[in-house]
C-alpha atoms as a PDB file:
ATOM      1  CA  MET A   1      60.681  18.545  54.134  1.00  0.00           C
ATOM      2  CA  VAL A   2      61.156  18.855  50.354  1.00  0.00           C
ATOM      3  CA  ALA A   3      58.103  19.569  48.133  1.00  0.00           C
ATOM      4  CA  VAL A   4      57.629  17.407  45.055  1.00  0.00           C
ATOM      5  CA  PRO A   5      55.951  19.568  42.374  1.00  0.00           C
ATOM      6  CA  GLU A   6      55.898  16.740  39.818  1.00  0.00           C
ATOM      7  CA  VAL A   7      53.099  14.888  41.691  1.00  0.00           C
ATOM      8  CA  SER A   8      50.396  17.268  40.441  1.00  0.00           C
ATOM      9  CA  GLY A   9      51.602  16.994  36.861  1.00  0.00           C
ATOM     10  CA  ALA A  10      51.748  13.219  37.154  1.00  0.00           C
ATOM     11  CA  ALA A  11      48.097  13.134  38.290  1.00  0.00           C
ATOM     12  CA  ASP A  12      47.084  15.259  35.312  1.00  0.00           C
ATOM     13  CA  VAL A  13      48.904  12.898  32.950  1.00  0.00           C
ATOM     14  CA  SER A  14      47.300   9.836  34.507  1.00  0.00           C
ATOM     15  CA  GLY A  15      43.832  11.465  34.219  1.00  0.00           C
ATOM     16  CA  ALA A  16      44.404  12.419  30.600  1.00  0.00           C
ATOM     17  CA  GLY A  17      44.835   8.770  29.556  1.00  0.00           C
ATOM     18  CA  PRO A  18      41.201   7.655  30.081  1.00  0.00           C
ATOM     19  CA  ARG A  19      39.909  10.862  28.493  1.00  0.00           C
ATOM     20  CA  ARG A  20      42.111  10.301  25.461  1.00  0.00           C
ATOM     21  CA  ARG A  21      40.909   6.724  25.167  1.00  0.00           C
ATOM     22  CA  GLN A  22      37.270   7.866  25.383  1.00  0.00           C
ATOM     23  CA  ARG A  23      37.847  10.410  22.635  1.00  0.00           C
ATOM     24  CA  THR A  24      39.493   7.742  20.494  1.00  0.00           C
ATOM     25  CA  LYS A  25      36.593   5.344  21.012  1.00  0.00           C
ATOM     26  CA  ARG A  26      34.101   8.072  20.208  1.00  0.00           C
ATOM     27  CA  ARG A  27      36.025   8.964  17.056  1.00  0.00           C
ATOM     28  CA  THR A  28      36.153   5.303  16.047  1.00  0.00           C
ATOM     29  CA  ARG A  29      32.409   4.898  16.539  1.00  0.00           C
ATOM     30  CA  ILE A  30      31.703   7.975  14.418  1.00  0.00           C
ATOM     31  CA  VAL A  31      33.991   6.784  11.615  1.00  0.00           C
ATOM     32  CA  THR A  32      32.484   3.284  11.740  1.00  0.00           C
ATOM     33  CA  THR A  33      28.928   4.667  11.651  1.00  0.00           C
ATOM     34  CA  ILE A  34      29.717   6.890   8.676  1.00  0.00           C
ATOM     35  CA  ALA A  35      31.415   3.990   6.868  1.00  0.00           C
ATOM     36  CA  LEU A  36      28.426   1.687   7.438  1.00  0.00           C
ATOM     37  CA  LEU A  37      25.885   4.314   6.355  1.00  0.00           C
ATOM     38  CA  ALA A  38      27.841   5.587   3.340  1.00  0.00           C
ATOM     39  CA  LEU A  39      26.951   2.818   0.854  1.00  0.00           C
ATOM     40  CA  PRO A  40      23.237   2.570   1.774  1.00  0.00           C
ATOM     41  CA  THR A  41      22.960   6.370   1.673  1.00  0.00           C
ATOM     42  CA  ILE A  42      24.585   6.518  -1.765  1.00  0.00           C
ATOM     43  CA  VAL A  43      22.338   3.746  -3.121  1.00  0.00           C
ATOM     44  CA  TYR A  44      19.187   5.293  -1.573  1.00  0.00           C
ATOM     45  CA  SER A  45      20.081   8.731  -2.917  1.00  0.00           C
ATOM     46  CA  ALA A  46      20.828   7.389  -6.411  1.00  0.00           C
ATOM     47  CA  PHE A  47      17.710   5.252  -6.785  1.00  0.00           C
ATOM     48  CA  ILE A  48      15.119   7.052  -4.597  1.00  0.00           C
ATOM     49  CA  ILE A  49      15.976  10.654  -3.763  1.00  0.00           C
ATOM     50  CA  TYR A  50      17.450  11.639  -7.147  1.00  0.00           C
ATOM     51  CA  PRO A  51      14.563  10.139  -9.202  1.00  0.00           C
ATOM     52  CA  VAL A  52      12.033  11.926  -6.970  1.00  0.00           C
ATOM     53  CA  ILE A  53      13.819  15.246  -7.418  1.00  0.00           C
ATOM     54  CA  ARG A  54      14.126  14.562 -11.152  1.00  0.00           C
ATOM     55  CA  VAL A  55      10.394  13.820 -11.496  1.00  0.00           C
ATOM     56  CA  ILE A  56       9.497  16.996  -9.599  1.00  0.00           C
ATOM     57  CA  GLY A  57      11.744  18.921 -11.963  1.00  0.00           C
ATOM     58  CA  LEU A  58      10.244  17.331 -15.084  1.00  0.00           C
ATOM     59  CA  SER A  59       6.727  18.149 -13.866  1.00  0.00           C
ATOM     60  CA  LEU A  60       7.517  21.835 -14.377  1.00  0.00           C
ATOM     61  CA  TRP A  61       8.301  21.459 -18.104  1.00  0.00           C
ATOM     62  CA  HIS A  62       6.478  20.635 -21.336  1.00  0.00           C
ATOM     63  CA  TRP A  63       8.495  17.787 -22.858  1.00  0.00           C
ATOM     64  CA  ASP A  64       7.680  14.934 -25.234  1.00  0.00           C
ATOM     65  CA  GLY A  65      10.669  12.850 -24.139  1.00  0.00           C
ATOM     66  CA  LEU A  66      12.735  13.525 -27.276  1.00  0.00           C
ATOM     67  CA  GLY A  67      12.757  17.155 -28.390  1.00  0.00           C
ATOM     68  CA  PRO A  68      13.596  20.340 -26.496  1.00  0.00           C
ATOM     69  CA  ALA A  69      11.625  21.154 -23.346  1.00  0.00           C
ATOM     70  CA  THR A  70       9.763  24.397 -22.680  1.00  0.00           C
ATOM     71  CA  TRP A  71       8.995  25.892 -19.296  1.00  0.00           C
ATOM     72  CA  ALA A  72       5.482  25.088 -18.051  1.00  0.00           C
ATOM     73  CA  GLY A  73       5.533  26.155 -14.427  1.00  0.00           C
ATOM     74  CA  PHE A  74       2.481  24.679 -12.723  1.00  0.00           C
ATOM     75  CA  ASP A  75       0.495  24.236 -15.944  1.00  0.00           C
ATOM     76  CA  ASN A  76       0.879  20.450 -15.794  1.00  0.00           C
ATOM     77  CA  TYR A  77      -0.599  20.391 -12.298  1.00  0.00           C
ATOM     78  CA  ALA A  78      -3.472  22.601 -13.391  1.00  0.00           C
ATOM     79  CA  ALA A  79      -4.147  20.234 -16.304  1.00  0.00           C
ATOM     80  CA  ILE A  80      -4.810  17.392 -13.861  1.00  0.00           C
ATOM     81  CA  TRP A  81      -7.871  19.204 -12.522  1.00  0.00           C
ATOM     82  CA  GLU A  82      -8.939  20.711 -15.858  1.00  0.00           C
ATOM     83  CA  ASP A  83      -8.657  17.543 -17.981  1.00  0.00           C
ATOM     84  CA  ASP A  84     -11.727  15.302 -17.616  1.00  0.00           C
ATOM     85  CA  ARG A  85      -9.690  12.165 -18.367  1.00  0.00           C
ATOM     86  CA  LEU A  86      -7.098  12.850 -15.671  1.00  0.00           C
ATOM     87  CA  ARG A  87      -9.680  13.921 -13.129  1.00  0.00           C
ATOM     88  CA  ALA A  88     -11.683  10.761 -13.796  1.00  0.00           C
ATOM     89  CA  ALA A  89      -8.576   8.644 -13.257  1.00  0.00           C
ATOM     90  CA  PHE A  90      -8.331   9.834  -9.654  1.00  0.00           C
ATOM     91  CA  LEU A  91     -12.040   9.225  -9.099  1.00  0.00           C
ATOM     92  CA  HIS A  92     -11.603   5.676 -10.402  1.00  0.00           C
ATOM     93  CA  GLY A  93      -8.692   5.264  -7.997  1.00  0.00           C
ATOM     94  CA  LEU A  94     -10.954   6.191  -5.087  1.00  0.00           C
ATOM     95  CA  VAL A  95     -13.485   3.616  -6.276  1.00  0.00           C
ATOM     96  CA  LEU A  96     -10.759   0.981  -6.292  1.00  0.00           C
ATOM     97  CA  ILE A  97      -9.901   1.888  -2.692  1.00  0.00           C
ATOM     98  CA  PHE A  98     -13.406   0.733  -1.778  1.00  0.00           C
ATOM     99  CA  PHE A  99     -12.829  -2.628  -3.498  1.00  0.00           C
ATOM    100  CA  PHE A 100      -9.201  -3.086  -2.387  1.00  0.00           C
ATOM    101  CA  ALA A 101      -9.495  -1.855   1.220  1.00  0.00           C
ATOM    102  CA  VAL A 102     -13.060  -1.534   2.526  1.00  0.00           C
ATOM    103  CA  VAL A 103     -14.678  -4.698   1.138  1.00  0.00           C
ATOM    104  CA  PRO A 104     -11.776  -7.030   2.128  1.00  0.00           C
ATOM    105  CA  ILE A 105     -11.951  -5.746   5.720  1.00  0.00           C
ATOM    106  CA  LEU A 106     -15.738  -6.231   5.828  1.00  0.00           C
ATOM    107  CA  ILE A 107     -15.216  -9.814   4.600  1.00  0.00           C
ATOM    108  CA  GLY A 108     -12.006 -10.553   6.485  1.00  0.00           C
ATOM    109  CA  LEU A 109     -13.168  -9.474   9.963  1.00  0.00           C
ATOM    110  CA  PRO A 110     -16.027 -11.966  10.408  1.00  0.00           C
ATOM    111  CA  LEU A 111     -14.147 -14.628   8.434  1.00  0.00           C
ATOM    112  CA  ALA A 112     -11.009 -14.385  10.587  1.00  0.00           C
ATOM    113  CA  SER A 113     -13.055 -14.259  13.781  1.00  0.00           C
ATOM    114  CA  MET A 114     -15.055 -17.318  12.768  1.00  0.00           C
ATOM    115  CA  LEU A 115     -11.971 -19.323  11.830  1.00  0.00           C
ATOM    116  CA  ILE A 116     -10.068 -18.520  15.034  1.00  0.00           C
ATOM    117  CA  ARG A 117     -13.011 -18.837  17.426  1.00  0.00           C
ATOM    118  CA  SER A 118     -14.379 -22.047  15.893  1.00  0.00           C
ATOM    119  CA  LYS A 119     -10.983 -23.823  16.076  1.00  0.00           C
ATOM    120  CA  VAL A 120     -11.177 -25.050  12.493  1.00  0.00           C
ATOM    121  CA  PRO A 121      -8.718 -27.935  11.857  1.00  0.00           C
ATOM    122  CA  GLY A 122      -6.081 -27.339   9.200  1.00  0.00           C
ATOM    123  CA  LEU A 123      -5.852 -23.617   9.925  1.00  0.00           C
ATOM    124  CA  GLY A 124      -2.307 -23.397   8.558  1.00  0.00           C
ATOM    125  CA  PHE A 125      -3.397 -24.879   5.224  1.00  0.00           C
ATOM    126  CA  PHE A 126      -6.327 -22.453   5.024  1.00  0.00           C
ATOM    127  CA  ARG A 127      -4.014 -19.481   5.670  1.00  0.00           C
ATOM    128  CA  THR A 128      -1.775 -20.644   2.829  1.00  0.00           C
ATOM    129  CA  VAL A 129      -4.697 -21.015   0.419  1.00  0.00           C
ATOM    130  CA  VAL A 130      -6.209 -17.646   1.340  1.00  0.00           C
ATOM    131  CA  PHE A 131      -2.837 -15.889   1.059  1.00  0.00           C
ATOM    132  CA  LEU A 132      -1.997 -17.534  -2.282  1.00  0.00           C
ATOM    133  CA  PRO A 133      -3.223 -14.644  -4.510  1.00  0.00           C
ATOM    134  CA  GLN A 134      -0.610 -12.413  -2.866  1.00  0.00           C
ATOM    135  CA  VAL A 135       2.161 -14.754  -4.004  1.00  0.00           C
ATOM    136  CA  ILE A 136       1.088 -15.129  -7.647  1.00  0.00           C
ATOM    137  CA  ALA A 137       2.195 -12.367 -10.017  1.00  0.00           C
ATOM    138  CA  MET A 138      -0.564  -9.863 -10.747  1.00  0.00           C
ATOM    139  CA  VAL A 139      -0.020 -10.265 -14.495  1.00  0.00           C
ATOM    140  CA  VAL A 140      -0.831 -13.976 -14.223  1.00  0.00           C
ATOM    141  CA  LEU A 141      -3.939 -13.236 -12.156  1.00  0.00           C
ATOM    142  CA  ALA A 142      -5.072 -10.575 -14.604  1.00  0.00           C
ATOM    143  CA  VAL A 143      -4.799 -12.958 -17.573  1.00  0.00           C
ATOM    144  CA  ALA A 144      -6.706 -15.652 -15.653  1.00  0.00           C
ATOM    145  CA  TRP A 145      -9.506 -13.272 -14.656  1.00  0.00           C
ATOM    146  CA  ARG A 146      -9.708 -11.879 -18.182  1.00  0.00           C
ATOM    147  CA  ASN A 147     -10.614 -15.386 -19.342  1.00  0.00           C
ATOM    148  CA  ILE A 148     -13.068 -15.809 -16.439  1.00  0.00           C
ATOM    149  CA  TYR A 149     -14.834 -12.580 -17.424  1.00  0.00           C
ATOM    150  CA  ALA A 150     -14.960 -13.470 -21.135  1.00  0.00           C
ATOM    151  CA  LEU A 151     -18.251 -13.976 -22.958  1.00  0.00           C
ATOM    152  CA  ASP A 152     -17.668 -17.750 -22.974  1.00  0.00           C
ATOM    153  CA  GLY A 153     -16.118 -17.705 -19.504  1.00  0.00           C
ATOM    154  CA  PRO A 154     -17.437 -19.536 -16.440  1.00  0.00           C
ATOM    155  CA  ILE A 155     -19.195 -16.514 -14.900  1.00  0.00           C
ATOM    156  CA  ASN A 156     -21.231 -15.763 -18.027  1.00  0.00           C
ATOM    157  CA  THR A 157     -21.939 -19.473 -18.454  1.00  0.00           C
ATOM    158  CA  VAL A 158     -23.411 -19.710 -14.938  1.00  0.00           C
ATOM    159  CA  LEU A 159     -25.458 -16.553 -15.519  1.00  0.00           C
ATOM    160  CA  GLY A 160     -26.799 -18.137 -18.711  1.00  0.00           C
ATOM    161  CA  TRP A 161     -28.279 -20.986 -16.666  1.00  0.00           C
ATOM    162  CA  PHE A 162     -30.563 -18.429 -15.006  1.00  0.00           C
ATOM    163  CA  GLY A 163     -31.340 -16.473 -18.179  1.00  0.00           C
ATOM    164  CA  MET A 164     -29.019 -13.596 -17.192  1.00  0.00           C
ATOM    165  CA  ARG A 165     -26.262 -14.110 -19.754  1.00  0.00           C
ATOM    166  CA  MET A 166     -24.325 -10.917 -20.603  1.00  0.00           C
ATOM    167  CA  SER A 167     -24.378  -9.770 -24.228  1.00  0.00           C
ATOM    168  CA  GLU A 168     -20.904  -8.225 -23.876  1.00  0.00           C
ATOM    169  CA  PRO A 169     -17.836  -9.114 -21.799  1.00  0.00           C
ATOM    170  CA  PHE A 170     -17.690  -7.684 -18.299  1.00  0.00           C
ATOM    171  CA  LEU A 171     -14.382  -5.984 -19.057  1.00  0.00           C
ATOM    172  CA  GLY A 172     -15.832  -4.509 -22.256  1.00  0.00           C
ATOM    173  CA  SER A 173     -18.833  -2.935 -20.561  1.00  0.00           C
ATOM    174  CA  PHE A 174     -18.859   0.747 -19.656  1.00  0.00           C
ATOM    175  CA  THR A 175     -21.022  -0.135 -16.648  1.00  0.00           C
ATOM    176  CA  TRP A 176     -19.304  -3.259 -15.309  1.00  0.00           C
ATOM    177  CA  ALA A 177     -15.633  -2.871 -16.304  1.00  0.00           C
ATOM    178  CA  LEU A 178     -14.519  -0.862 -13.252  1.00  0.00           C
ATOM    179  CA  PRO A 179     -16.435  -3.005 -10.699  1.00  0.00           C
ATOM    180  CA  ALA A 180     -15.049  -6.125 -12.436  1.00  0.00           C
ATOM    181  CA  VAL A 181     -11.479  -4.852 -12.038  1.00  0.00           C
ATOM    182  CA  GLY A 182     -12.253  -3.856  -8.468  1.00  0.00           C
ATOM    183  CA  PHE A 183     -13.594  -7.323  -7.665  1.00  0.00           C
ATOM    184  CA  ILE A 184     -10.253  -8.808  -8.720  1.00  0.00           C
ATOM    185  CA  GLY A 185      -8.620  -6.460  -6.225  1.00  0.00           C
ATOM    186  CA  THR A 186     -11.068  -7.598  -3.550  1.00  0.00           C
ATOM    187  CA  TRP A 187     -10.201 -11.230  -4.249  1.00  0.00           C
ATOM    188  CA  VAL A 188      -6.474 -10.516  -4.044  1.00  0.00           C
ATOM    189  CA  SER A 189      -6.626  -8.314  -0.926  1.00  0.00           C
ATOM    190  CA  THR A 190      -9.032 -10.424   1.130  1.00  0.00           C
ATOM    191  CA  GLY A 191      -6.391 -13.094   1.776  1.00  0.00           C
ATOM    192  CA  LEU A 192      -3.833 -10.576   3.050  1.00  0.00           C
ATOM    193  CA  VAL A 193      -6.377  -8.814   5.253  1.00  0.00           C
ATOM    194  CA  THR A 194      -7.758 -12.075   6.661  1.00  0.00           C
ATOM    195  CA  VAL A 195      -4.317 -13.407   7.585  1.00  0.00           C
ATOM    196  CA  LEU A 196      -3.386 -10.122   9.294  1.00  0.00           C
ATOM    197  CA  LEU A 197      -6.645 -10.087  11.271  1.00  0.00           C
ATOM    198  CA  MET A 198      -6.276 -13.754  12.211  1.00  0.00           C
ATOM    199  CA  SER A 199      -2.885 -13.035  13.742  1.00  0.00           C
ATOM    200  CA  GLY A 200      -4.423 -10.246  15.837  1.00  0.00           C
ATOM    201  CA  ILE A 201      -7.467 -12.233  16.951  1.00  0.00           C
ATOM    202  CA  ALA A 202      -5.281 -15.197  17.932  1.00  0.00           C
ATOM    203  CA  ARG A 203      -3.582 -12.995  20.567  1.00  0.00           C
ATOM    204  CA  VAL A 204      -6.843 -12.304  22.423  1.00  0.00           C
ATOM    205  CA  SER A 205      -7.027 -14.319  25.631  1.00  0.00           C
ATOM    206  CA  GLU A 206      -9.796 -16.901  25.829  1.00  0.00           C
ATOM    207  CA  SER A 207     -10.618 -15.656  29.334  1.00  0.00           C
ATOM    208  CA  TYR A 208     -12.178 -12.480  27.887  1.00  0.00           C
ATOM    209  CA  TYR A 209     -14.674 -14.507  25.871  1.00  0.00           C
ATOM    210  CA  GLU A 210     -15.395 -16.795  28.820  1.00  0.00           C
ATOM    211  CA  ALA A 211     -16.107 -13.800  31.056  1.00  0.00           C
ATOM    212  CA  ALA A 212     -18.368 -12.321  28.391  1.00  0.00           C
ATOM    213  CA  THR A 213     -20.256 -15.617  28.116  1.00  0.00           C
ATOM    214  CA  ILE A 214     -20.820 -15.653  31.867  1.00  0.00           C
ATOM    215  CA  ASP A 215     -22.189 -12.102  31.649  1.00  0.00           C
ATOM    216  CA  GLY A 216     -24.622 -13.209  28.968  1.00  0.00           C
ATOM    217  CA  VAL A 217     -22.956 -11.444  26.028  1.00  0.00           C
ATOM    218  CA  GLY A 218     -23.859 -12.940  22.656  1.00  0.00           C
ATOM    219  CA  PRO A 219     -21.575 -13.637  19.652  1.00  0.00           C
ATOM    220  CA  LEU A 220     -22.213 -10.206  18.124  1.00  0.00           C
ATOM    221  CA  GLY A 221     -21.415  -8.456  21.407  1.00  0.00           C
ATOM    222  CA  LYS A 222     -18.189 -10.442  21.806  1.00  0.00           C
ATOM    223  CA  PHE A 223     -17.166  -9.481  18.299  1.00  0.00           C
ATOM    224  CA  TRP A 224     -17.998  -5.788  18.789  1.00  0.00           C
ATOM    225  CA  TYR A 225     -16.578  -5.260  22.292  1.00  0.00           C
ATOM    226  CA  ILE A 226     -13.690  -7.758  22.406  1.00  0.00           C
ATOM    227  CA  THR A 227     -12.534  -8.809  18.943  1.00  0.00           C
ATOM    228  CA  LEU A 228     -12.847  -5.516  17.091  1.00  0.00           C
ATOM    229  CA  PRO A 229     -10.892  -3.361  19.604  1.00  0.00           C
ATOM    230  CA  ALA A 230      -8.196  -6.044  19.801  1.00  0.00           C
ATOM    231  CA  VAL A 231      -7.433  -5.929  16.067  1.00  0.00           C
ATOM    232  CA  ARG A 232      -7.452  -2.145  15.638  1.00  0.00           C
ATOM    233  CA  ALA A 233      -3.731  -2.094  14.851  1.00  0.00           C
ATOM    234  CA  GLU A 234      -4.122  -4.867  12.256  1.00  0.00           C
ATOM    235  CA  ILE A 235      -7.019  -2.987  10.648  1.00  0.00           C
ATOM    236  CA  LEU A 236      -4.855   0.135  10.321  1.00  0.00           C
ATOM    237  CA  VAL A 237      -2.049  -1.884   8.739  1.00  0.00           C
ATOM    238  CA  SER A 238      -4.534  -3.510   6.367  1.00  0.00           C
ATOM    239  CA  ILE A 239      -6.043  -0.172   5.329  1.00  0.00           C
ATOM    240  CA  THR A 240      -2.596   1.296   4.739  1.00  0.00           C
ATOM    241  CA  LEU A 241      -1.318  -1.592   2.604  1.00  0.00           C
ATOM    242  CA  THR A 242      -4.484  -2.060   0.574  1.00  0.00           C
ATOM    243  CA  THR A 243      -4.917   1.684  -0.045  1.00  0.00           C
ATOM    244  CA  ILE A 244      -1.396   1.875  -1.432  1.00  0.00           C
ATOM    245  CA  ASN A 245      -2.081  -1.157  -3.626  1.00  0.00           C
ATOM    246  CA  ALA A 246      -5.320   0.372  -4.919  1.00  0.00           C
ATOM    247  CA  LEU A 247      -3.805   3.728  -5.878  1.00  0.00           C
ATOM    248  CA  LYS A 248      -0.669   2.318  -7.488  1.00  0.00           C
ATOM    249  CA  THR A 249      -2.489  -0.370  -9.482  1.00  0.00           C
ATOM    250  CA  PHE A 250      -1.064  -0.491 -13.008  1.00  0.00           C
ATOM    251  CA  ASP A 251      -0.404  -4.062 -14.124  1.00  0.00           C
ATOM    252  CA  LEU A 252      -3.944  -5.209 -13.307  1.00  0.00           C
ATOM    253  CA  VAL A 253      -5.568  -2.422 -15.353  1.00  0.00           C
ATOM    254  CA  TYR A 254      -3.025  -2.682 -18.164  1.00  0.00           C
ATOM    255  CA  MET A 255      -3.515  -6.445 -18.601  1.00  0.00           C
ATOM    256  CA  THR A 256      -7.304  -6.506 -18.255  1.00  0.00           C
ATOM    257  CA  THR A 257      -8.710  -3.351 -19.885  1.00  0.00           C
ATOM    258  CA  SER A 258      -5.843  -0.968 -20.781  1.00  0.00           C
ATOM    259  CA  GLY A 259      -7.992   1.777 -19.309  1.00  0.00           C
ATOM    260  CA  GLY A 260     -11.016   0.937 -21.445  1.00  0.00           C
ATOM    261  CA  PRO A 261     -13.605   0.738 -22.635  1.00  0.00           C
ATOM    262  CA  GLY A 262     -13.014   4.375 -23.426  1.00  0.00           C
ATOM    263  CA  THR A 263     -11.603   5.800 -20.213  1.00  0.00           C
ATOM    264  CA  SER A 264     -13.915   3.973 -17.809  1.00  0.00           C
ATOM    265  CA  THR A 265     -11.090   2.135 -15.988  1.00  0.00           C
ATOM    266  CA  THR A 266      -8.224   4.601 -16.204  1.00  0.00           C
ATOM    267  CA  VAL A 267      -6.414   5.039 -12.883  1.00  0.00           C
ATOM    268  CA  PRO A 268      -3.588   7.427 -11.885  1.00  0.00           C
ATOM    269  CA  ALA A 269      -0.764   4.876 -12.214  1.00  0.00           C
ATOM    270  CA  TYR A 270      -1.962   3.844 -15.675  1.00  0.00           C
ATOM    271  CA  GLU A 271      -2.291   7.488 -16.707  1.00  0.00           C
ATOM    272  CA  VAL A 272       1.354   8.102 -15.722  1.00  0.00           C
ATOM    273  CA  TYR A 273       2.352   5.414 -18.239  1.00  0.00           C
ATOM    274  CA  TYR A 274      -0.148   6.588 -20.870  1.00  0.00           C
ATOM    275  CA  GLN A 275       0.836  10.265 -20.727  1.00  0.00           C
ATOM    276  CA  ALA A 276       4.587   9.543 -20.762  1.00  0.00           C
ATOM    277  CA  PHE A 277       4.860   6.785 -23.372  1.00  0.00           C
ATOM    278  CA  ARG A 278       1.736   7.054 -25.542  1.00  0.00           C
ATOM    279  CA  ALA A 279       0.599  10.683 -25.366  1.00  0.00           C
ATOM    280  CA  GLY A 280       4.155  12.067 -25.355  1.00  0.00           C
ATOM    281  CA  SER A 281       3.594  14.345 -22.358  1.00  0.00           C
ATOM    282  CA  VAL A 282       6.357  13.579 -19.878  1.00  0.00           C
ATOM    283  CA  GLY A 283       5.651  16.741 -17.905  1.00  0.00           C
ATOM    284  CA  THR A 284       2.008  15.808 -17.300  1.00  0.00           C
ATOM    285  CA  ALA A 285       3.013  12.248 -16.397  1.00  0.00           C
ATOM    286  CA  SER A 286       5.546  13.577 -13.883  1.00  0.00           C
ATOM    287  CA  ALA A 287       2.957  15.908 -12.343  1.00  0.00           C
ATOM    288  CA  LEU A 288       0.566  12.965 -12.033  1.00  0.00           C
ATOM    289  CA  ALA A 289       3.264  10.923 -10.307  1.00  0.00           C
ATOM    290  CA  VAL A 290       3.942  13.729  -7.823  1.00  0.00           C
ATOM    291  CA  VAL A 291       0.251  14.225  -7.037  1.00  0.00           C
ATOM    292  CA  LEU A 292      -0.277  10.460  -6.696  1.00  0.00           C
ATOM    293  CA  THR A 293       2.646  10.198  -4.282  1.00  0.00           C
ATOM    294  CA  LEU A 294       1.317  13.064  -2.170  1.00  0.00           C
ATOM    295  CA  LEU A 295      -2.190  11.562  -2.221  1.00  0.00           C
ATOM    296  CA  ILE A 296      -0.959   8.165  -1.004  1.00  0.00           C
ATOM    297  CA  PHE A 297       1.160   9.824   1.676  1.00  0.00           C
ATOM    298  CA  GLY A 298      -1.717  12.044   2.802  1.00  0.00           C
ATOM    299  CA  ILE A 299      -4.261   9.222   3.029  1.00  0.00           C
ATOM    300  CA  ASN A 300      -1.880   7.074   5.055  1.00  0.00           C
ATOM    301  CA  VAL A 301      -1.067   9.955   7.415  1.00  0.00           C
ATOM    302  CA  VAL A 302      -4.784  10.566   8.015  1.00  0.00           C
ATOM    303  CA  VAL A 303      -5.441   6.852   8.629  1.00  0.00           C
ATOM    304  CA  ASN A 304      -2.578   6.549  11.107  1.00  0.00           C
ATOM    305  CA  VAL A 305      -3.420   9.811  12.915  1.00  0.00           C
ATOM    306  CA  LEU A 306      -7.017   8.672  13.360  1.00  0.00           C
ATOM    307  CA  GLY A 307      -5.751   5.310  14.583  1.00  0.00           C
ATOM    308  CA  GLU A 308      -3.458   6.913  17.148  1.00  0.00           C
ATOM    309  CA  ARG A 309      -6.284   9.162  18.346  1.00  0.00           C
ATOM    310  CA  GLU A 310      -8.572   6.156  18.842  1.00  0.00           C
ATOM    311  CA  ARG A 311      -5.811   4.318  20.704  1.00  0.00           C
ATOM    312  CA  ARG A 312      -5.617   7.130  23.266  1.00  0.00           C
END
């Protein structure tokens, strides 16, 4: 019998073919993935990552935007807490969170529950009407509300019928300017919050409410033990979106009060503009932008962590 040594080699060659094809496919997938991610990564880096790094860098310098810059270190960050105007801007931002996030949820929860549970006809039309402020540009809304709040506007006219007419415009009052701006935010945010909560309540099975009725649970109990737990995720989304909107509000403040009267309606986003383009302090404006970004990120992390803990 004659041995055939080539058989072993032939088996190795035949086994190498599939492995080579697998390596080729893997290489092709890697190249394709890199090619598909290259353009988005370049665009994201150019318009997001680089500006963020640039702003962080500018926050460490004293610069008026035109002349030479001088090293400031963390002086611009320290100025945020030492300057009464800048510190007040963040306090005003927290007040706006109450109007943009808390009040709309307090209004939207019972309103959405009532609309879904009562089977109101024309629900789609109502959703469109309620959501409409989210579609209209904030500048347009601000101009409209500025006229509503005017001395000869409809609100002051109605108050005059009851002998409560204001002697100064709402937006020109040191006492009422910030709540007036906040109320506009409430009006804008309520539609978004209500629509989100309606979508969550609509998913709750009718059998839960029927079982609760049989057990003698009243409307308030059904809302507290069935509806509220069912829309926890929608509430978290609402808080996140409205908190971001409250802290980054610029166009509303700029078009209604420009931070006035005095500094009673200044907010962090408006102060970024003011410090950079009117006060000539680009470094302080950049530090404000960094702190504002970290504040928004921190609040949203806390909200979502608390939400996840409740879900467990």
